[in-house]
Amino acid sequence: METQKKITLRRLTTDFVEVNQKWHDVSDDMTNVKSMNHMATFSNSPTGREMVKNLDIPREFLTGIFNVWGDEPTIADPEMPKMPEVKKQ
């Protein structure tokens, strides 16, 4: 059985990208085909840019994403809410 991987950039704007990764396990006689699909959206934020850089996708996809995104993020990372302090008794 052979595993084939297909990557598609579904939408690419200056603010985000949708990356679709699909894996197919195909037998020689095509009678047994199994698929797994993974879709992820990444924003053009500092964290999103780092996540895209760490994806296992071809270099030309990365180049295309960052050509559209430019050199600077267009979205700020969300601020994490502060946890309330717990007073010890």
Protein backbone atom coordinates (compact mmCIF):
# COMPACT_ATOMS: atom_id res chain seq x y z
CA MET A 1 0.00 0.00 0.00
CA GLU A 2 1.31 3.43 -0.94
CA THR A 3 0.56 6.68 0.90
CA GLN A 4 0.11 9.77 -1.26
CA LYS A 5 -0.07 13.29 0.16
CA LYS A 6 -1.79 16.22 -1.54
CA ILE A 7 -1.57 19.80 -0.25
CA THR A 8 -3.89 22.59 -1.35
CA LEU A 9 -3.97 26.25 -0.38
CA ARG A 10 -7.73 26.76 -0.35
CA ARG A 11 -7.82 30.47 0.36
CA LEU A 12 -4.96 32.91 0.64
CA THR A 13 -5.50 36.55 1.59
CA THR A 14 -3.30 39.19 3.20
CA ASP A 15 -4.82 38.20 6.57
CA PHE A 16 -5.00 34.39 6.53
CA VAL A 17 -4.41 31.13 4.66
CA GLU A 18 -6.36 27.86 4.65
CA VAL A 19 -4.14 24.82 4.17
CA ASN A 20 -5.73 21.49 3.26
CA GLN A 21 -3.62 18.34 3.60
CA LYS A 22 -5.02 15.04 2.36
CA TRP A 23 -3.41 11.63 2.67
CA HIS A 24 -4.52 8.63 0.61
CA ASP A 25 -3.54 5.02 1.28
CA VAL A 26 -3.96 3.32 -2.08
CA SER A 27 -3.52 -0.37 -2.80
CA ASP A 28 -2.06 -1.54 -6.11
CA ASP A 29 -5.42 -2.65 -7.47
CA MET A 30 -7.30 0.47 -6.22
CA THR A 31 -9.82 -1.70 -4.34
CA ASN A 32 -8.84 -0.35 -0.93
CA VAL A 33 -8.59 3.45 -0.74
CA LYS A 34 -8.42 5.18 2.65
CA SER A 35 -8.28 8.96 3.04
CA MET A 36 -7.49 11.33 5.86
CA ASN A 37 -8.15 15.05 5.49
CA HIS A 38 -6.78 17.88 7.63
CA MET A 39 -7.77 21.53 7.16
CA ALA A 40 -6.14 24.33 9.14
CA THR A 41 -6.44 28.11 9.00
CA PHE A 42 -3.52 30.34 9.96
CA SER A 43 -3.72 34.09 10.52
CA ASN A 44 -1.07 36.55 9.42
CA SER A 45 -0.14 37.19 13.06
CA PRO A 46 3.24 36.67 14.72
CA THR A 47 2.15 33.27 16.04
CA GLY A 48 0.40 32.26 12.81
CA ARG A 49 3.49 33.13 10.77
CA GLU A 50 5.65 30.89 12.99
CA MET A 51 3.13 28.05 12.70
CA VAL A 52 3.13 28.31 8.88
CA LYS A 53 6.95 28.27 8.81
CA ASN A 54 6.87 24.97 10.74
CA LEU A 55 4.40 23.24 8.39
CA ASP A 56 5.59 20.28 6.37
CA ILE A 57 4.68 21.79 2.99
CA PRO A 58 6.74 22.45 -0.15
CA ARG A 59 8.95 25.54 -0.18
CA GLU A 60 7.03 27.03 -3.13
CA PHE A 61 3.85 27.04 -1.00
CA LEU A 62 5.68 28.88 1.80
CA THR A 63 7.12 31.36 -0.69
CA GLY A 64 3.67 32.01 -2.14
CA ILE A 65 2.10 32.56 1.28
CA PHE A 66 4.78 35.00 2.40
CA ASN A 67 4.76 36.83 -0.95
CA VAL A 68 1.08 37.61 -0.33
CA TRP A 69 1.52 38.27 3.39
CA GLY A 70 4.55 40.53 3.05
CA ASP A 71 7.20 41.18 5.68
CA GLU A 72 4.98 42.19 8.60
CA PRO A 73 1.94 40.61 10.30
CA THR A 74 -1.42 42.24 9.56
CA ILE A 75 -3.13 40.82 12.67
CA ALA A 76 -2.02 41.06 16.30
CA ASP A 77 -1.91 37.95 18.45
CA PRO A 78 -4.89 37.88 20.81
CA GLU A 79 -4.14 38.80 24.39
CA MET A 80 -4.57 35.95 26.80
CA PRO A 81 -6.93 36.67 29.71
CA LYS A 82 -5.24 36.84 33.08
CA MET A 83 -6.10 34.15 35.55
CA PRO A 84 -7.67 35.43 38.74
CA GLU A 85 -5.43 35.31 41.77
CA VAL A 86 -6.35 32.71 44.33
CA LYS A 87 -5.87 33.83 47.91
CA LYS A 88 -4.50 31.28 50.30
CA GLN A 89 -6.38 30.99 53.56
